mmCIF file of all heavy atoms, coordinates in Angstrom:
data_MODEL
# 
_entry.id   MODEL 
# 
loop_
_atom_site.group_PDB 
_atom_site.id 
_atom_site.type_symbol 
_atom_site.label_atom_id 
_atom_site.label_alt_id 
_atom_site.label_comp_id 
_atom_site.label_asym_id 
_atom_site.label_entity_id 
_atom_site.label_seq_id 
_atom_site.pdbx_PDB_ins_code 
_atom_site.Cartn_x 
_atom_site.Cartn_y 
_atom_site.Cartn_z 
_atom_site.occupancy 
_atom_site.B_iso_or_equiv 
_atom_site.pdbx_formal_charge 
_atom_site.auth_seq_id 
_atom_site.auth_comp_id 
_atom_site.auth_asym_id 
_atom_site.auth_atom_id 
_atom_site.pdbx_PDB_model_num 
ATOM 1   N N   . GLY A 1 1  ? 109.368 78.586  98.421  1.00 0.00 ? 1  GLY A N   1 
ATOM 2   C CA  . GLY A 1 1  ? 109.617 79.525  99.497  1.00 0.00 ? 1  GLY A CA  1 
ATOM 3   C C   . GLY A 1 1  ? 109.082 80.934  99.329  1.00 0.00 ? 1  GLY A C   1 
ATOM 4   O O   . GLY A 1 1  ? 109.509 81.848  100.032 1.00 0.00 ? 1  GLY A O   1 
ATOM 5   N N   . VAL A 1 2  ? 108.098 81.078  98.423  1.00 0.00 ? 2  VAL A N   1 
ATOM 6   C CA  . VAL A 1 2  ? 107.563 82.428  98.157  1.00 0.00 ? 2  VAL A CA  1 
ATOM 7   C C   . VAL A 1 2  ? 106.940 83.066  99.367  1.00 0.00 ? 2  VAL A C   1 
ATOM 8   O O   . VAL A 1 2  ? 107.016 84.295  99.555  1.00 0.00 ? 2  VAL A O   1 
ATOM 9   C CB  . VAL A 1 2  ? 106.517 82.331  96.979  1.00 0.00 ? 2  VAL A CB  1 
ATOM 10  C CG1 . VAL A 1 2  ? 105.629 83.555  96.967  1.00 0.00 ? 2  VAL A CG1 1 
ATOM 11  C CG2 . VAL A 1 2  ? 107.205 82.179  95.651  1.00 0.00 ? 2  VAL A CG2 1 
ATOM 12  N N   . PHE A 1 3  ? 106.367 82.278  100.252 1.00 0.00 ? 3  PHE A N   1 
ATOM 13  C CA  . PHE A 1 3  ? 105.638 82.810  101.413 1.00 0.00 ? 3  PHE A CA  1 
ATOM 14  C C   . PHE A 1 3  ? 106.434 82.742  102.728 1.00 0.00 ? 3  PHE A C   1 
ATOM 15  O O   . PHE A 1 3  ? 105.870 82.935  103.800 1.00 0.00 ? 3  PHE A O   1 
ATOM 16  C CB  . PHE A 1 3  ? 104.307 82.068  101.607 1.00 0.00 ? 3  PHE A CB  1 
ATOM 17  C CG  . PHE A 1 3  ? 103.421 82.158  100.388 1.00 0.00 ? 3  PHE A CG  1 
ATOM 18  C CD1 . PHE A 1 3  ? 103.311 81.076  99.512  1.00 0.00 ? 3  PHE A CD1 1 
ATOM 19  C CD2 . PHE A 1 3  ? 102.707 83.292  100.125 1.00 0.00 ? 3  PHE A CD2 1 
ATOM 20  C CE1 . PHE A 1 3  ? 102.494 81.147  98.384  1.00 0.00 ? 3  PHE A CE1 1 
ATOM 21  C CE2 . PHE A 1 3  ? 101.857 83.375  98.994  1.00 0.00 ? 3  PHE A CE2 1 
ATOM 22  C CZ  . PHE A 1 3  ? 101.769 82.310  98.153  1.00 0.00 ? 3  PHE A CZ  1 
ATOM 23  N N   . ASN A 1 4  ? 107.728 82.518  102.607 1.00 0.00 ? 4  ASN A N   1 
ATOM 24  C CA  . ASN A 1 4  ? 108.546 82.354  103.826 1.00 0.00 ? 4  ASN A CA  1 
ATOM 25  C C   . ASN A 1 4  ? 108.888 83.642  104.556 1.00 0.00 ? 4  ASN A C   1 
ATOM 26  O O   . ASN A 1 4  ? 109.108 83.624  105.772 1.00 0.00 ? 4  ASN A O   1 
ATOM 27  C CB  . ASN A 1 4  ? 109.845 81.608  103.474 1.00 0.00 ? 4  ASN A CB  1 
ATOM 28  C CG  . ASN A 1 4  ? 109.612 80.135  103.146 1.00 0.00 ? 4  ASN A CG  1 
ATOM 29  O OD1 . ASN A 1 4  ? 108.533 79.626  103.325 1.00 0.00 ? 4  ASN A OD1 1 
ATOM 30  N ND2 . ASN A 1 4  ? 110.664 79.496  102.638 1.00 0.00 ? 4  ASN A ND2 1 
ATOM 31  N N   . SER A 1 5  ? 108.927 84.753  103.831 1.00 0.00 ? 5  SER A N   1 
ATOM 32  C CA  . SER A 1 5  ? 109.483 85.986  104.420 1.00 0.00 ? 5  SER A CA  1 
ATOM 33  C C   . SER A 1 5  ? 108.603 87.201  104.123 1.00 0.00 ? 5  SER A C   1 
ATOM 34  O O   . SER A 1 5  ? 108.935 87.975  103.230 1.00 0.00 ? 5  SER A O   1 
ATOM 35  C CB  . SER A 1 5  ? 110.910 86.213  103.886 1.00 0.00 ? 5  SER A CB  1 
ATOM 36  O OG  . SER A 1 5  ? 111.752 85.115  104.185 1.00 0.00 ? 5  SER A OG  1 
ATOM 37  N N   . PRO A 1 6  ? 107.538 87.392  104.871 1.00 0.00 ? 6  PRO A N   1 
ATOM 38  C CA  . PRO A 1 6  ? 106.767 88.605  104.705 1.00 0.00 ? 6  PRO A CA  1 
ATOM 39  C C   . PRO A 1 6  ? 107.629 89.830  105.042 1.00 0.00 ? 6  PRO A C   1 
ATOM 40  O O   . PRO A 1 6  ? 108.436 89.776  105.963 1.00 0.00 ? 6  PRO A O   1 
ATOM 41  C CB  . PRO A 1 6  ? 105.629 88.459  105.748 1.00 0.00 ? 6  PRO A CB  1 
ATOM 42  C CG  . PRO A 1 6  ? 105.601 87.016  106.101 1.00 0.00 ? 6  PRO A CG  1 
ATOM 43  C CD  . PRO A 1 6  ? 106.998 86.512  105.907 1.00 0.00 ? 6  PRO A CD  1 
ATOM 44  N N   . PRO A 1 7  ? 107.471 90.910  104.254 1.00 0.00 ? 7  PRO A N   1 
ATOM 45  C CA  . PRO A 1 7  ? 108.330 92.081  104.501 1.00 0.00 ? 7  PRO A CA  1 
ATOM 46  C C   . PRO A 1 7  ? 107.987 92.771  105.804 1.00 0.00 ? 7  PRO A C   1 
ATOM 47  O O   . PRO A 1 7  ? 106.813 92.887  106.162 1.00 0.00 ? 7  PRO A O   1 
ATOM 48  C CB  . PRO A 1 7  ? 107.994 92.973  103.268 1.00 0.00 ? 7  PRO A CB  1 
ATOM 49  C CG  . PRO A 1 7  ? 106.625 92.576  102.908 1.00 0.00 ? 7  PRO A CG  1 
ATOM 50  C CD  . PRO A 1 7  ? 106.525 91.109  103.148 1.00 0.00 ? 7  PRO A CD  1 
ATOM 51  N N   . PRO A 1 8  ? 108.975 93.265  106.516 1.00 0.00 ? 8  PRO A N   1 
ATOM 52  C CA  . PRO A 1 8  ? 108.722 93.954  107.794 1.00 0.00 ? 8  PRO A CA  1 
ATOM 53  C C   . PRO A 1 8  ? 108.323 95.401  107.568 1.00 0.00 ? 8  PRO A C   1 
ATOM 54  O O   . PRO A 1 8  ? 108.446 95.937  106.477 1.00 0.00 ? 8  PRO A O   1 
ATOM 55  C CB  . PRO A 1 8  ? 110.103 93.877  108.480 1.00 0.00 ? 8  PRO A CB  1 
ATOM 56  C CG  . PRO A 1 8  ? 111.065 93.916  107.353 1.00 0.00 ? 8  PRO A CG  1 
ATOM 57  C CD  . PRO A 1 8  ? 110.412 93.138  106.253 1.00 0.00 ? 8  PRO A CD  1 
ATOM 58  N N   . LEU A 1 9  ? 107.805 96.012  108.599 1.00 0.00 ? 9  LEU A N   1 
ATOM 59  C CA  . LEU A 1 9  ? 107.554 97.423  108.611 1.00 0.00 ? 9  LEU A CA  1 
ATOM 60  C C   . LEU A 1 9  ? 108.944 98.126  108.580 1.00 0.00 ? 9  LEU A C   1 
ATOM 61  O O   . LEU A 1 9  ? 109.878 97.703  109.223 1.00 0.00 ? 9  LEU A O   1 
ATOM 62  C CB  . LEU A 1 9  ? 106.776 97.820  109.902 1.00 0.00 ? 9  LEU A CB  1 
ATOM 63  C CG  . LEU A 1 9  ? 106.513 99.261  110.172 1.00 0.00 ? 9  LEU A CG  1 
ATOM 64  C CD1 . LEU A 1 9  ? 105.150 99.393  110.867 1.00 0.00 ? 9  LEU A CD1 1 
ATOM 65  C CD2 . LEU A 1 9  ? 107.587 99.825  111.102 1.00 0.00 ? 9  LEU A CD2 1 
ATOM 66  N N   . ILE A 1 10 ? 109.026 99.215  107.824 1.00 0.00 ? 10 ILE A N   1 
ATOM 67  C CA  . ILE A 1 10 ? 110.325 99.874  107.670 1.00 0.00 ? 10 ILE A CA  1 
ATOM 68  C C   . ILE A 1 10 ? 110.277 101.221 108.464 1.00 0.00 ? 10 ILE A C   1 
ATOM 69  O O   . ILE A 1 10 ? 109.428 102.052 108.248 1.00 0.00 ? 10 ILE A O   1 
ATOM 70  C CB  . ILE A 1 10 ? 110.611 100.180 106.179 1.00 0.00 ? 10 ILE A CB  1 
ATOM 71  C CG1 . ILE A 1 10 ? 110.713 98.838  105.407 1.00 0.00 ? 10 ILE A CG1 1 
ATOM 72  C CG2 . ILE A 1 10 ? 111.872 100.978 106.029 1.00 0.00 ? 10 ILE A CG2 1 
ATOM 73  C CD1 . ILE A 1 10 ? 110.890 99.017  103.936 1.00 0.00 ? 10 ILE A CD1 1 
ATOM 74  N N   . GLU A 1 11 ? 111.246 101.382 109.339 1.00 0.00 ? 11 GLU A N   1 
ATOM 75  C CA  . GLU A 1 11 ? 111.413 102.622 110.073 1.00 0.00 ? 11 GLU A CA  1 
ATOM 76  C C   . GLU A 1 11 ? 112.243 103.601 109.236 1.00 0.00 ? 11 GLU A C   1 
ATOM 77  O O   . GLU A 1 11 ? 113.358 103.308 108.820 1.00 0.00 ? 11 GLU A O   1 
ATOM 78  C CB  . GLU A 1 11 ? 112.144 102.365 111.419 1.00 0.00 ? 11 GLU A CB  1 
ATOM 79  C CG  . GLU A 1 11 ? 111.441 101.355 112.321 1.00 0.00 ? 11 GLU A CG  1 
ATOM 80  C CD  . GLU A 1 11 ? 110.348 101.963 113.142 1.00 0.00 ? 11 GLU A CD  1 
ATOM 81  O OE1 . GLU A 1 11 ? 110.252 103.231 113.117 1.00 0.00 ? 11 GLU A OE1 1 
ATOM 82  O OE2 . GLU A 1 11 ? 109.637 101.234 113.839 1.00 0.00 ? 11 GLU A OE2 1 
ATOM 83  N N   . MET A 1 12 ? 111.684 104.751 108.954 1.00 0.00 ? 12 MET A N   1 
ATOM 84  C CA  . MET A 1 12 ? 112.327 105.747 108.112 1.00 0.00 ? 12 MET A CA  1 
ATOM 85  C C   . MET A 1 12 ? 113.172 106.731 108.964 1.00 0.00 ? 12 MET A C   1 
ATOM 86  O O   . MET A 1 12 ? 113.004 106.797 110.191 1.00 0.00 ? 12 MET A O   1 
ATOM 87  C CB  . MET A 1 12 ? 111.294 106.530 107.306 1.00 0.00 ? 12 MET A CB  1 
ATOM 88  C CG  . MET A 1 12 ? 110.255 105.686 106.583 1.00 0.00 ? 12 MET A CG  1 
ATOM 89  S SD  . MET A 1 12 ? 111.022 104.619 105.277 1.00 0.00 ? 12 MET A SD  1 
ATOM 90  C CE  . MET A 1 12 ? 111.330 105.869 104.030 1.00 0.00 ? 12 MET A CE  1 
ATOM 91  N N   . ASP A 1 13 ? 114.064 107.444 108.312 1.00 0.00 ? 13 ASP A N   1 
ATOM 92  C CA  . ASP A 1 13 ? 114.966 108.332 109.025 1.00 0.00 ? 13 ASP A CA  1 
ATOM 93  C C   . ASP A 1 13 ? 114.243 109.524 109.639 1.00 0.00 ? 13 ASP A C   1 
ATOM 94  O O   . ASP A 1 13 ? 114.764 110.165 110.561 1.00 0.00 ? 13 ASP A O   1 
ATOM 95  C CB  . ASP A 1 13 ? 116.080 108.824 108.078 1.00 0.00 ? 13 ASP A CB  1 
ATOM 96  C CG  . ASP A 1 13 ? 117.025 107.722 107.645 1.00 0.00 ? 13 ASP A CG  1 
ATOM 97  O OD1 . ASP A 1 13 ? 117.114 106.718 108.419 1.00 0.00 ? 13 ASP A OD1 1 
ATOM 98  O OD2 . ASP A 1 13 ? 117.652 107.837 106.618 1.00 0.00 ? 13 ASP A OD2 1 
ATOM 99  N N   . ASN A 1 14 ? 113.083 109.895 109.109 1.00 0.00 ? 14 ASN A N   1 
ATOM 100 C CA  . ASN A 1 14 ? 112.383 111.094 109.565 1.00 0.00 ? 14 ASN A CA  1 
ATOM 101 C C   . ASN A 1 14 ? 111.309 110.734 110.638 1.00 0.00 ? 14 ASN A C   1 
ATOM 102 O O   . ASN A 1 14 ? 110.314 111.435 110.757 1.00 0.00 ? 14 ASN A O   1 
ATOM 103 C CB  . ASN A 1 14 ? 111.742 111.818 108.389 1.00 0.00 ? 14 ASN A CB  1 
ATOM 104 C CG  . ASN A 1 14 ? 110.784 110.923 107.605 1.00 0.00 ? 14 ASN A CG  1 
ATOM 105 O OD1 . ASN A 1 14 ? 110.694 109.686 107.862 1.00 0.00 ? 14 ASN A OD1 1 
ATOM 106 N ND2 . ASN A 1 14 ? 110.090 111.509 106.661 1.00 0.00 ? 14 ASN A ND2 1 
ATOM 107 N N   . ASN A 1 15 ? 111.525 109.629 111.331 1.00 0.00 ? 15 ASN A N   1 
ATOM 108 C CA  . ASN A 1 15 ? 110.622 109.202 112.408 1.00 0.00 ? 15 ASN A CA  1 
ATOM 109 C C   . ASN A 1 15 ? 109.231 108.803 111.897 1.00 0.00 ? 15 ASN A C   1 
ATOM 110 O O   . ASN A 1 15 ? 108.257 108.839 112.656 1.00 0.00 ? 15 ASN A O   1 
ATOM 111 C CB  . ASN A 1 15 ? 110.452 110.274 113.485 1.00 0.00 ? 15 ASN A CB  1 
ATOM 112 C CG  . ASN A 1 15 ? 111.725 110.484 114.304 1.00 0.00 ? 15 ASN A CG  1 
ATOM 113 O OD1 . ASN A 1 15 ? 112.454 109.536 114.564 1.00 0.00 ? 15 ASN A OD1 1 
ATOM 114 N ND2 . ASN A 1 15 ? 112.017 111.731 114.677 1.00 0.00 ? 15 ASN A ND2 1 
ATOM 115 N N   . THR A 1 16 ? 109.173 108.409 110.630 1.00 0.00 ? 16 THR A N   1 
ATOM 116 C CA  . THR A 1 16 ? 107.923 107.858 110.083 1.00 0.00 ? 16 THR A CA  1 
ATOM 117 C C   . THR A 1 16 ? 108.171 106.405 109.752 1.00 0.00 ? 16 THR A C   1 
ATOM 118 O O   . THR A 1 16 ? 109.301 105.896 109.874 1.00 0.00 ? 16 THR A O   1 
ATOM 119 C CB  . THR A 1 16 ? 107.458 108.622 108.821 1.00 0.00 ? 16 THR A CB  1 
ATOM 120 O OG1 . THR A 1 16 ? 108.501 108.502 107.813 1.00 0.00 ? 16 THR A OG1 1 
ATOM 121 C CG2 . THR A 1 16 ? 107.205 110.100 109.127 1.00 0.00 ? 16 THR A CG2 1 
ATOM 122 N N   . VAL A 1 17 ? 107.107 105.703 109.347 1.00 0.00 ? 17 VAL A N   1 
ATOM 123 C CA  . VAL A 1 17 ? 107.244 104.286 109.014 1.00 0.00 ? 17 VAL A CA  1 
ATOM 124 C C   . VAL A 1 17 ? 106.621 104.033 107.636 1.00 0.00 ? 17 VAL A C   1 
ATOM 125 O O   . VAL A 1 17 ? 105.780 104.811 107.178 1.00 0.00 ? 17 VAL A O   1 
ATOM 126 C CB  . VAL A 1 17 ? 106.558 103.387 110.065 1.00 0.00 ? 17 VAL A CB  1 
ATOM 127 C CG1 . VAL A 1 17 ? 107.246 103.511 111.411 1.00 0.00 ? 17 VAL A CG1 1 
ATOM 128 C CG2 . VAL A 1 17 ? 105.090 103.712 110.156 1.00 0.00 ? 17 VAL A CG2 1 
ATOM 129 N N   . ARG A 1 18 ? 107.076 102.985 107.034 1.00 0.00 ? 18 ARG A N   1 
ATOM 130 C CA  . ARG A 1 18 ? 106.485 102.573 105.734 1.00 0.00 ? 18 ARG A CA  1 
ATOM 131 C C   . ARG A 1 18 ? 105.909 101.169 105.875 1.00 0.00 ? 18 ARG A C   1 
ATOM 132 O O   . ARG A 1 18 ? 106.584 100.238 106.272 1.00 0.00 ? 18 ARG A O   1 
ATOM 133 C CB  . ARG A 1 18 ? 107.613 102.577 104.668 1.00 0.00 ? 18 ARG A CB  1 
ATOM 134 C CG  . ARG A 1 18 ? 107.129 102.119 103.274 1.00 0.00 ? 18 ARG A CG  1 
ATOM 135 C CD  . ARG A 1 18 ? 108.159 102.424 102.214 1.00 0.00 ? 18 ARG A CD  1 
ATOM 136 N NE  . ARG A 1 18 ? 107.792 101.849 100.955 1.00 0.00 ? 18 ARG A NE  1 
ATOM 137 C CZ  . ARG A 1 18 ? 108.345 100.771 100.380 1.00 0.00 ? 18 ARG A CZ  1 
ATOM 138 N NH1 . ARG A 1 18 ? 109.314 100.138 101.015 1.00 0.00 ? 18 ARG A NH1 1 
ATOM 139 N NH2 . ARG A 1 18 ? 107.920 100.344 99.217  1.00 0.00 ? 18 ARG A NH2 1 
ATOM 140 N N   . PHE A 1 19 ? 104.617 101.077 105.575 1.00 0.00 ? 19 PHE A N   1 
ATOM 141 C CA  . PHE A 1 19 ? 103.951 99.792  105.633 1.00 0.00 ? 19 PHE A CA  1 
ATOM 142 C C   . PHE A 1 19 ? 104.187 99.088  104.283 1.00 0.00 ? 19 PHE A C   1 
ATOM 143 O O   . PHE A 1 19 ? 103.512 99.388  103.304 1.00 0.00 ? 19 PHE A O   1 
ATOM 144 C CB  . PHE A 1 19 ? 102.424 99.979  105.865 1.00 0.00 ? 19 PHE A CB  1 
ATOM 145 C CG  . PHE A 1 19 ? 102.117 100.712 107.132 1.00 0.00 ? 19 PHE A CG  1 
ATOM 146 C CD1 . PHE A 1 19 ? 101.127 101.681 107.144 1.00 0.00 ? 19 PHE A CD1 1 
ATOM 147 C CD2 . PHE A 1 19 ? 102.770 100.449 108.331 1.00 0.00 ? 19 PHE A CD2 1 
ATOM 148 C CE1 . PHE A 1 19 ? 100.820 102.363 108.335 1.00 0.00 ? 19 PHE A CE1 1 
ATOM 149 C CE2 . PHE A 1 19 ? 102.485 101.090 109.507 1.00 0.00 ? 19 PHE A CE2 1 
ATOM 150 C CZ  . PHE A 1 19 ? 101.512 102.074 109.498 1.00 0.00 ? 19 PHE A CZ  1 
ATOM 151 N N   . THR A 1 20 ? 105.113 98.185  104.254 1.00 0.00 ? 20 THR A N   1 
ATOM 152 C CA  . THR A 1 20 ? 105.495 97.521  103.003 1.00 0.00 ? 20 THR A CA  1 
ATOM 153 C C   . THR A 1 20 ? 104.424 96.506  102.628 1.00 0.00 ? 20 THR A C   1 
ATOM 154 O O   . THR A 1 20 ? 104.038 95.650  103.390 1.00 0.00 ? 20 THR A O   1 
ATOM 155 C CB  . THR A 1 20 ? 106.837 96.786  103.172 1.00 0.00 ? 20 THR A CB  1 
ATOM 156 O OG1 . THR A 1 20 ? 107.801 97.678  103.728 1.00 0.00 ? 20 THR A OG1 1 
ATOM 157 C CG2 . THR A 1 20 ? 107.328 96.285  101.809 1.00 0.00 ? 20 THR A CG2 1 
ATOM 158 N N   . LEU A 1 21 ? 103.937 96.654  101.380 1.00 0.00 ? 21 LEU A N   1 
ATOM 159 C CA  . LEU A 1 21 ? 102.924 95.725  100.888 1.00 0.00 ? 21 LEU A CA  1 
ATOM 160 C C   . LEU A 1 21 ? 103.570 94.411  100.518 1.00 0.00 ? 21 LEU A C   1 
ATOM 161 O O   . LEU A 1 21 ? 104.770 94.329  100.216 1.00 0.00 ? 21 LEU A O   1 
ATOM 162 C CB  . LEU A 1 21 ? 102.214 96.331  99.674  1.00 0.00 ? 21 LEU A CB  1 
ATOM 163 C CG  . LEU A 1 21 ? 101.457 97.643  99.947  1.00 0.00 ? 21 LEU A CG  1 
ATOM 164 C CD1 . LEU A 1 21 ? 100.810 98.134  98.636  1.00 0.00 ? 21 LEU A CD1 1 
ATOM 165 C CD2 . LEU A 1 21 ? 100.417 97.465  101.028 1.00 0.00 ? 21 LEU A CD2 1 
ATOM 166 N N   . TRP A 1 22 ? 102.743 93.360  100.535 1.00 0.00 ? 22 TRP A N   1 
ATOM 167 C CA  . TRP A 1 22 ? 103.265 92.019  100.174 1.00 0.00 ? 22 TRP A CA  1 
ATOM 168 C C   . TRP A 1 22 ? 102.357 91.484  99.031  1.00 0.00 ? 22 TRP A C   1 
ATOM 169 O O   . TRP A 1 22 ? 101.302 90.925  99.305  1.00 0.00 ? 22 TRP A O   1 
ATOM 170 C CB  . TRP A 1 22 ? 103.198 91.112  101.399 1.00 0.00 ? 22 TRP A CB  1 
ATOM 171 C CG  . TRP A 1 22 ? 104.025 89.858  101.256 1.00 0.00 ? 22 TRP A CG  1 
ATOM 172 C CD1 . TRP A 1 22 ? 105.127 89.670  100.490 1.00 0.00 ? 22 TRP A CD1 1 
ATOM 173 C CD2 . TRP A 1 22 ? 103.793 88.593  101.932 1.00 0.00 ? 22 TRP A CD2 1 
ATOM 174 N NE1 . TRP A 1 22 ? 105.617 88.411  100.655 1.00 0.00 ? 22 TRP A NE1 1 
ATOM 175 C CE2 . TRP A 1 22 ? 104.815 87.740  101.549 1.00 0.00 ? 22 TRP A CE2 1 
ATOM 176 C CE3 . TRP A 1 22 ? 102.841 88.159  102.847 1.00 0.00 ? 22 TRP A CE3 1 
ATOM 177 C CZ2 . TRP A 1 22 ? 104.904 86.412  102.004 1.00 0.00 ? 22 TRP A CZ2 1 
ATOM 178 C CZ3 . TRP A 1 22 ? 102.928 86.874  103.314 1.00 0.00 ? 22 TRP A CZ3 1 
ATOM 179 C CH2 . TRP A 1 22 ? 103.935 86.011  102.907 1.00 0.00 ? 22 TRP A CH2 1 
ATOM 180 N N   . PRO A 1 23 ? 102.748 91.670  97.771  1.00 0.00 ? 23 PRO A N   1 
ATOM 181 C CA  . PRO A 1 23 ? 101.895 91.315  96.660  1.00 0.00 ? 23 PRO A CA  1 
ATOM 182 C C   . PRO A 1 23 ? 101.458 89.847  96.624  1.00 0.00 ? 23 PRO A C   1 
ATOM 183 O O   . PRO A 1 23 ? 100.415 89.501  96.055  1.00 0.00 ? 23 PRO A O   1 
ATOM 184 C CB  . PRO A 1 23 ? 102.757 91.642  95.438  1.00 0.00 ? 23 PRO A CB  1 
ATOM 185 C CG  . PRO A 1 23 ? 103.677 92.707  95.917  1.00 0.00 ? 23 PRO A CG  1 
ATOM 186 C CD  . PRO A 1 23 ? 104.008 92.366  97.336  1.00 0.00 ? 23 PRO A CD  1 
ATOM 187 N N   . GLU A 1 24 ? 102.248 88.970  97.250  1.00 0.00 ? 24 GLU A N   1 
ATOM 188 C CA  . GLU A 1 24 ? 101.887 87.549  97.250  1.00 0.00 ? 24 GLU A CA  1 
ATOM 189 C C   . GLU A 1 24 ? 100.529 87.291  97.896  1.00 0.00 ? 24 GLU A C   1 
ATOM 190 O O   . GLU A 1 24 ? 99.854  86.330  97.562  1.00 0.00 ? 24 GLU A O   1 
ATOM 191 C CB  . GLU A 1 24 ? 102.977 86.752  97.987  1.00 0.00 ? 24 GLU A CB  1 
ATOM 192 C CG  . GLU A 1 24 ? 104.279 86.616  97.212  1.00 0.00 ? 24 GLU A CG  1 
ATOM 193 C CD  . GLU A 1 24 ? 105.179 87.829  97.192  1.00 0.00 ? 24 GLU A CD  1 
ATOM 194 O OE1 . GLU A 1 24 ? 104.768 88.905  97.717  1.00 0.00 ? 24 GLU A OE1 1 
ATOM 195 O OE2 . GLU A 1 24 ? 106.280 87.781  96.650  1.00 0.00 ? 24 GLU A OE2 1 
ATOM 196 N N   . LEU A 1 25 ? 100.142 88.183  98.795  1.00 0.00 ? 25 LEU A N   1 
ATOM 197 C CA  . LEU A 1 25 ? 98.790  88.042  99.416  1.00 0.00 ? 25 LEU A CA  1 
ATOM 198 C C   . LEU A 1 25 ? 97.669  88.223  98.394  1.00 0.00 ? 25 LEU A C   1 
ATOM 199 O O   . LEU A 1 25 ? 96.571  87.734  98.621  1.00 0.00 ? 25 LEU A O   1 
ATOM 200 C CB  . LEU A 1 25 ? 98.640  89.045  100.575 1.00 0.00 ? 25 LEU A CB  1 
ATOM 201 C CG  . LEU A 1 25 ? 99.396  88.717  101.851 1.00 0.00 ? 25 LEU A CG  1 
ATOM 202 C CD1 . LEU A 1 25 ? 99.273  89.875  102.848 1.00 0.00 ? 25 LEU A CD1 1 
ATOM 203 C CD2 . LEU A 1 25 ? 98.852  87.445  102.497 1.00 0.00 ? 25 LEU A CD2 1 
ATOM 204 N N   . LEU A 1 26 ? 97.942  88.951  97.332  1.00 0.00 ? 26 LEU A N   1 
ATOM 205 C CA  . LEU A 1 26 ? 96.912  89.134  96.313  1.00 0.00 ? 26 LEU A CA  1 
ATOM 206 C C   . LEU A 1 26 ? 96.524  87.808  95.676  1.00 0.00 ? 26 LEU A C   1 
ATOM 207 O O   . LEU A 1 26 ? 95.365  87.566  95.371  1.00 0.00 ? 26 LEU A O   1 
ATOM 208 C CB  . LEU A 1 26 ? 97.414  90.112  95.239  1.00 0.00 ? 26 LEU A CB  1 
ATOM 209 C CG  . LEU A 1 26 ? 97.732  91.518  95.702  1.00 0.00 ? 26 LEU A CG  1 
ATOM 210 C CD1 . LEU A 1 26 ? 98.376  92.309  94.588  1.00 0.00 ? 26 LEU A CD1 1 
ATOM 211 C CD2 . LEU A 1 26 ? 96.462  92.221  96.191  1.00 0.00 ? 26 LEU A CD2 1 
ATOM 212 N N   . TYR A 1 27 ? 97.526  86.946  95.505  1.00 0.00 ? 27 TYR A N   1 
ATOM 213 C CA  . TYR A 1 27 ? 97.229  85.614  94.961  1.00 0.00 ? 27 TYR A CA  1 
ATOM 214 C C   . TYR A 1 27 ? 96.401  84.788  95.922  1.00 0.00 ? 27 TYR A C   1 
ATOM 215 O O   . TYR A 1 27 ? 95.438  84.129  95.525  1.00 0.00 ? 27 TYR A O   1 
ATOM 216 C CB  . TYR A 1 27 ? 98.559  84.892  94.661  1.00 0.00 ? 27 TYR A CB  1 
ATOM 217 C CG  . TYR A 1 27 ? 98.399  83.421  94.324  1.00 0.00 ? 27 TYR A CG  1 
ATOM 218 C CD1 . TYR A 1 27 ? 97.600  82.996  93.236  1.00 0.00 ? 27 TYR A CD1 1 
ATOM 219 C CD2 . TYR A 1 27 ? 99.010  82.437  95.096  1.00 0.00 ? 27 TYR A CD2 1 
ATOM 220 C CE1 . TYR A 1 27 ? 97.471  81.662  92.950  1.00 0.00 ? 27 TYR A CE1 1 
ATOM 221 C CE2 . TYR A 1 27 ? 98.855  81.110  94.797  1.00 0.00 ? 27 TYR A CE2 1 
ATOM 222 C CZ  . TYR A 1 27 ? 98.063  80.723  93.721  1.00 0.00 ? 27 TYR A CZ  1 
ATOM 223 O OH  . TYR A 1 27 ? 97.906  79.380  93.433  1.00 0.00 ? 27 TYR A OH  1 
# 
């Protein structure tokens, strides 16, 4: 199940967003 749940984009409190990387794609 390593590839079942790609991380979502994270909405930050200061009206910015964080593009969460998914290291499994490196493989």
